[in-house]
Amino acid sequence: MNGLGSETYTGWGTLALINAGLAETKNRSRWNWFLISLLAGPIATLLIVFWKPLPARAES
């Protein structure tokens, strides 16, 4: 059977967590990028890495 193995799901989930951390360092939503990464995987990584960081938000 040539289905997706558990290693694939583990790797994809790990990548989503890493992307969430990267997104936070660029002042982007951790949760949104986690979800985007679950769907887009490595493409989301490229977007996060090459897009410029957002301006820092003022804390209240």
PDB file of N, CA and C in Angstrom:
ATOM      1  N   MET A   1       0.851  -1.187   0.000  1.00  0.00           N
ATOM      2  CA  MET A   1       0.000   0.000   0.000  1.00  0.00           C
ATOM      3  C   MET A   1       0.890   1.242   0.000  1.00  0.00           C
ATOM      4  N   ASN A   2       0.645   2.172  -0.894  1.00  0.00           N
ATOM      5  CA  ASN A   2       1.468   3.369  -1.044  1.00  0.00           C
ATOM      6  C   ASN A   2       0.795   4.616  -0.465  1.00  0.00           C
ATOM      7  N   GLY A   3       0.207   4.512   0.708  1.00  0.00           N
ATOM      8  CA  GLY A   3      -0.419   5.669   1.338  1.00  0.00           C
ATOM      9  C   GLY A   3       0.609   6.520   2.049  1.00  0.00           C
ATOM     10  N   LEU A   4       0.147   7.616   2.597  1.00  0.00           N
ATOM     11  CA  LEU A   4       1.032   8.487   3.375  1.00  0.00           C
ATOM     12  C   LEU A   4       1.294   7.838   4.719  1.00  0.00           C
ATOM     13  N   GLY A   5       2.562   7.755   5.099  1.00  0.00           N
ATOM     14  CA  GLY A   5       2.930   7.155   6.368  1.00  0.00           C
ATOM     15  C   GLY A   5       2.826   8.140   7.510  1.00  0.00           C
ATOM     16  N   SER A   6       2.945   7.608   8.710  1.00  0.00           N
ATOM     17  CA  SER A   6       2.863   8.471   9.888  1.00  0.00           C
ATOM     18  C   SER A   6       4.026   9.467   9.922  1.00  0.00           C
ATOM     19  N   GLU A   7       5.154   9.098   9.285  1.00  0.00           N
ATOM     20  CA  GLU A   7       6.290  10.022   9.233  1.00  0.00           C
ATOM     21  C   GLU A   7       5.940  11.285   8.467  1.00  0.00           C
ATOM     22  N   THR A   8       5.142  11.148   7.426  1.00  0.00           N
ATOM     23  CA  THR A   8       4.725  12.301   6.625  1.00  0.00           C
ATOM     24  C   THR A   8       3.895  13.259   7.468  1.00  0.00           C
ATOM     25  N   TYR A   9       2.946  12.723   8.209  1.00  0.00           N
ATOM     26  CA  TYR A   9       2.093  13.567   9.051  1.00  0.00           C
ATOM     27  C   TYR A   9       2.898  14.223  10.171  1.00  0.00           C
ATOM     28  N   THR A  10       3.822  13.473  10.742  1.00  0.00           N
ATOM     29  CA  THR A  10       4.669  14.024  11.800  1.00  0.00           C
ATOM     30  C   THR A  10       5.537  15.150  11.265  1.00  0.00           C
ATOM     31  N   GLY A  11       6.135  14.953  10.113  1.00  0.00           N
ATOM     32  CA  GLY A  11       6.984  15.979   9.498  1.00  0.00           C
ATOM     33  C   GLY A  11       6.196  17.218   9.121  1.00  0.00           C
ATOM     34  N   TRP A  12       5.007  17.022   8.557  1.00  0.00           N
ATOM     35  CA  TRP A  12       4.170  18.153   8.142  1.00  0.00           C
ATOM     36  C   TRP A  12       3.731  18.956   9.365  1.00  0.00           C
ATOM     37  N   GLY A  13       3.367  18.276  10.444  1.00  0.00           N
ATOM     38  CA  GLY A  13       2.968  18.958  11.677  1.00  0.00           C
ATOM     39  C   GLY A  13       4.125  19.713  12.309  1.00  0.00           C
ATOM     40  N   THR A  14       5.310  19.094  12.274  1.00  0.00           N
ATOM     41  CA  THR A  14       6.498  19.755  12.805  1.00  0.00           C
ATOM     42  C   THR A  14       6.821  21.008  12.004  1.00  0.00           C
ATOM     43  N   LEU A  15       6.713  20.909  10.692  1.00  0.00           N
ATOM     44  CA  LEU A  15       6.954  22.074   9.841  1.00  0.00           C
ATOM     45  C   LEU A  15       5.957  23.193  10.156  1.00  0.00           C
ATOM     46  N   ALA A  16       4.708  22.836  10.399  1.00  0.00           N
ATOM     47  CA  ALA A  16       3.698  23.846  10.740  1.00  0.00           C
ATOM     48  C   ALA A  16       4.059  24.559  12.051  1.00  0.00           C
ATOM     49  N   LEU A  17       4.561  23.810  13.033  1.00  0.00           N
ATOM     50  CA  LEU A  17       4.974  24.430  14.299  1.00  0.00           C
ATOM     51  C   LEU A  17       6.179  25.344  14.112  1.00  0.00           C
ATOM     52  N   ILE A  18       7.135  24.912  13.313  1.00  0.00           N
ATOM     53  CA  ILE A  18       8.309  25.741  13.028  1.00  0.00           C
ATOM     54  C   ILE A  18       7.892  27.015  12.305  1.00  0.00           C
ATOM     55  N   ASN A  19       7.005  26.889  11.332  1.00  0.00           N
ATOM     56  CA  ASN A  19       6.527  28.053  10.592  1.00  0.00           C
ATOM     57  C   ASN A  19       5.791  29.031  11.510  1.00  0.00           C
ATOM     58  N   ALA A  20       5.048  28.515  12.470  1.00  0.00           N
ATOM     59  CA  ALA A  20       4.355  29.391  13.421  1.00  0.00           C
ATOM     60  C   ALA A  20       5.364  30.216  14.215  1.00  0.00           C
ATOM     61  N   GLY A  21       6.447  29.583  14.630  1.00  0.00           N
ATOM     62  CA  GLY A  21       7.500  30.311  15.343  1.00  0.00           C
ATOM     63  C   GLY A  21       8.175  31.343  14.465  1.00  0.00           C
ATOM     64  N   LEU A  22       8.460  30.979  13.216  1.00  0.00           N
ATOM     65  CA  LEU A  22       9.063  31.931  12.275  1.00  0.00           C
ATOM     66  C   LEU A  22       8.141  33.128  12.047  1.00  0.00           C
ATOM     67  N   ALA A  23       6.858  32.843  11.891  1.00  0.00           N
ATOM     68  CA  ALA A  23       5.891  33.919  11.648  1.00  0.00           C
ATOM     69  C   ALA A  23       5.869  34.900  12.810  1.00  0.00           C
ATOM     70  N   GLU A  24       5.955  34.379  14.027  1.00  0.00           N
ATOM     71  CA  GLU A  24       5.933  35.257  15.193  1.00  0.00           C
ATOM     72  C   GLU A  24       7.157  36.176  15.218  1.00  0.00           C
ATOM     73  N   THR A  25       8.305  35.693  14.763  1.00  0.00           N
ATOM     74  CA  THR A  25       9.498  36.541  14.735  1.00  0.00           C
ATOM     75  C   THR A  25       9.377  37.658  13.707  1.00  0.00           C
ATOM     76  N   LYS A  26       8.441  37.508  12.761  1.00  0.00           N
ATOM     77  CA  LYS A  26       8.231  38.540  11.746  1.00  0.00           C
ATOM     78  C   LYS A  26       6.944  39.333  12.021  1.00  0.00           C
ATOM     79  N   ASN A  27       6.509  39.305  13.283  1.00  0.00           N
ATOM     80  CA  ASN A  27       5.314  40.046  13.731  1.00  0.00           C
ATOM     81  C   ASN A  27       4.055  39.643  12.983  1.00  0.00           C
ATOM     82  N   ARG A  28       3.932  38.371  12.689  1.00  0.00           N
ATOM     83  CA  ARG A  28       2.743  37.838  12.026  1.00  0.00           C
ATOM     84  C   ARG A  28       2.030  36.884  12.982  1.00  0.00           C
ATOM     85  N   SER A  29       0.786  36.583  12.679  1.00  0.00           N
ATOM     86  CA  SER A  29      -0.029  35.750  13.558  1.00  0.00           C
ATOM     87  C   SER A  29       0.470  34.307  13.575  1.00  0.00           C
ATOM     88  N   ARG A  30       0.851  33.855  14.757  1.00  0.00           N
ATOM     89  CA  ARG A  30       1.331  32.481  14.918  1.00  0.00           C
ATOM     90  C   ARG A  30       0.243  31.480  14.527  1.00  0.00           C
ATOM     91  N   TRP A  31      -0.966  31.689  15.011  1.00  0.00           N
ATOM     92  CA  TRP A  31      -2.061  30.758  14.770  1.00  0.00           C
ATOM     93  C   TRP A  31      -2.439  30.694  13.281  1.00  0.00           C
ATOM     94  N   ASN A  32      -2.555  31.853  12.633  1.00  0.00           N
ATOM     95  CA  ASN A  32      -2.903  31.871  11.207  1.00  0.00           C
ATOM     96  C   ASN A  32      -1.861  31.140  10.371  1.00  0.00           C
ATOM     97  N   TRP A  33      -0.583  31.385  10.650  1.00  0.00           N
ATOM     98  CA  TRP A  33       0.469  30.741   9.873  1.00  0.00           C
ATOM     99  C   TRP A  33       0.597  29.261  10.180  1.00  0.00           C
ATOM    100  N   PHE A  34       0.237  28.842  11.362  1.00  0.00           N
ATOM    101  CA  PHE A  34       0.187  27.416  11.665  1.00  0.00           C
ATOM    102  C   PHE A  34      -0.847  26.742  10.764  1.00  0.00           C
ATOM    103  N   LEU A  35      -2.027  27.342  10.678  1.00  0.00           N
ATOM    104  CA  LEU A  35      -3.092  26.774   9.843  1.00  0.00           C
ATOM    105  C   LEU A  35      -2.728  26.806   8.358  1.00  0.00           C
ATOM    106  N   ILE A  36      -2.153  27.914   7.910  1.00  0.00           N
ATOM    107  CA  ILE A  36      -1.718  28.015   6.511  1.00  0.00           C
ATOM    108  C   ILE A  36      -0.667  26.943   6.219  1.00  0.00           C
ATOM    109  N   SER A  37       0.223  26.718   7.150  1.00  0.00           N
ATOM    110  CA  SER A  37       1.288  25.740   6.963  1.00  0.00           C
ATOM    111  C   SER A  37       0.759  24.316   6.897  1.00  0.00           C
ATOM    112  N   LEU A  38      -0.323  24.035   7.609  1.00  0.00           N
ATOM    113  CA  LEU A  38      -0.915  22.707   7.505  1.00  0.00           C
ATOM    114  C   LEU A  38      -1.417  22.433   6.092  1.00  0.00           C
ATOM    115  N   LEU A  39      -1.842  23.486   5.409  1.00  0.00           N
ATOM    116  CA  LEU A  39      -2.343  23.334   4.039  1.00  0.00           C
ATOM    117  C   LEU A  39      -1.249  23.475   2.987  1.00  0.00           C
ATOM    118  N   ALA A  40      -0.360  24.445   3.181  1.00  0.00           N
ATOM    119  CA  ALA A  40       0.610  24.777   2.138  1.00  0.00           C
ATOM    120  C   ALA A  40       2.016  24.250   2.393  1.00  0.00           C
ATOM    121  N   GLY A  41       2.315  23.854   3.626  1.00  0.00           N
ATOM    122  CA  GLY A  41       3.605  23.256   3.963  1.00  0.00           C
ATOM    123  C   GLY A  41       4.816  24.087   3.572  1.00  0.00           C
ATOM    124  N   PRO A  42       5.703  23.526   2.737  1.00  0.00           N
ATOM    125  CA  PRO A  42       6.950  24.204   2.375  1.00  0.00           C
ATOM    126  C   PRO A  42       6.740  25.534   1.644  1.00  0.00           C
ATOM    127  N   ILE A  43       5.645  25.680   0.952  1.00  0.00           N
ATOM    128  CA  ILE A  43       5.360  26.948   0.266  1.00  0.00           C
ATOM    129  C   ILE A  43       5.159  28.050   1.307  1.00  0.00           C
ATOM    130  N   ALA A  44       4.467  27.721   2.395  1.00  0.00           N
ATOM    131  CA  ALA A  44       4.275  28.687   3.475  1.00  0.00           C
ATOM    132  C   ALA A  44       5.614  29.076   4.086  1.00  0.00           C
ATOM    133  N   THR A  45       6.521  28.110   4.204  1.00  0.00           N
ATOM    134  CA  THR A  45       7.854  28.405   4.739  1.00  0.00           C
ATOM    135  C   THR A  45       8.562  29.435   3.875  1.00  0.00           C
ATOM    136  N   LEU A  46       8.509  29.245   2.570  1.00  0.00           N
ATOM    137  CA  LEU A  46       9.157  30.193   1.660  1.00  0.00           C
ATOM    138  C   LEU A  46       8.554  31.582   1.794  1.00  0.00           C
ATOM    139  N   LEU A  47       7.240  31.657   1.904  1.00  0.00           N
ATOM    140  CA  LEU A  47       6.582  32.960   2.054  1.00  0.00           C
ATOM    141  C   LEU A  47       7.035  33.655   3.339  1.00  0.00           C
ATOM    142  N   ILE A  48       7.063  32.914   4.438  1.00  0.00           N
ATOM    143  CA  ILE A  48       7.456  33.514   5.713  1.00  0.00           C
ATOM    144  C   ILE A  48       8.897  34.005   5.663  1.00  0.00           C
ATOM    145  N   VAL A  49       9.763  33.196   5.084  1.00  0.00           N
ATOM    146  CA  VAL A  49      11.188  33.542   5.066  1.00  0.00           C
ATOM    147  C   VAL A  49      11.461  34.760   4.193  1.00  0.00           C
ATOM    148  N   PHE A  50      10.812  34.855   3.037  1.00  0.00           N
ATOM    149  CA  PHE A  50      11.149  35.918   2.090  1.00  0.00           C
ATOM    150  C   PHE A  50      10.338  37.194   2.243  1.00  0.00           C
ATOM    151  N   TRP A  51       9.167  37.145   2.902  1.00  0.00           N
ATOM    152  CA  TRP A  51       8.421  38.379   3.134  1.00  0.00           C
ATOM    153  C   TRP A  51       9.082  39.197   4.225  1.00  0.00           C
ATOM    154  N   LYS A  52       8.995  40.505   4.074  1.00  0.00           N
ATOM    155  CA  LYS A  52       9.555  41.407   5.084  1.00  0.00           C
ATOM    156  C   LYS A  52       8.692  41.357   6.342  1.00  0.00           C
ATOM    157  N   PRO A  53       9.309  41.574   7.503  1.00  0.00           N
ATOM    158  CA  PRO A  53       8.528  41.606   8.749  1.00  0.00           C
ATOM    159  C   PRO A  53       7.537  42.764   8.757  1.00  0.00           C
ATOM    160  N   LEU A  54       6.436  42.559   9.435  1.00  0.00           N
ATOM    161  CA  LEU A  54       5.472  43.633   9.634  1.00  0.00           C
ATOM    162  C   LEU A  54       6.011  44.576  10.695  1.00  0.00           C
ATOM    163  N   PRO A  55       5.584  45.837  10.674  1.00  0.00           N
ATOM    164  CA  PRO A  55       6.010  46.764  11.743  1.00  0.00           C
ATOM    165  C   PRO A  55       5.535  46.237  13.100  1.00  0.00           C
ATOM    166  N   ALA A  56       6.327  46.490  14.109  1.00  0.00           N
ATOM    167  CA  ALA A  56       5.973  46.037  15.464  1.00  0.00           C
ATOM    168  C   ALA A  56       4.715  46.747  15.950  1.00  0.00           C
ATOM    169  N   ARG A  57       3.880  46.007  16.636  1.00  0.00           N
ATOM    170  CA  ARG A  57       2.663  46.586  17.181  1.00  0.00           C
ATOM    171  C   ARG A  57       2.962  47.252  18.513  1.00  0.00           C
ATOM    172  N   ALA A  58       2.282  48.349  18.757  1.00  0.00           N
ATOM    173  CA  ALA A  58       2.440  49.039  20.042  1.00  0.00           C
ATOM    174  C   ALA A  58       1.698  48.241  21.111  1.00  0.00           C
ATOM    175  N   GLU A  59       2.378  47.954  22.209  1.00  0.00           N
ATOM    176  CA  GLU A  59       1.732  47.220  23.301  1.00  0.00           C
ATOM    177  C   GLU A  59       0.985  48.192  24.196  1.00  0.00           C
ATOM    178  N   SER A  60      -0.207  47.762  24.638  1.00  0.00           N
ATOM    179  CA  SER A  60      -0.998  48.661  25.488  1.00  0.00           C
ATOM    180  C   SER A  60      -0.961  48.256  26.927  1.00  0.00           C
TER     181      SER A  60
END
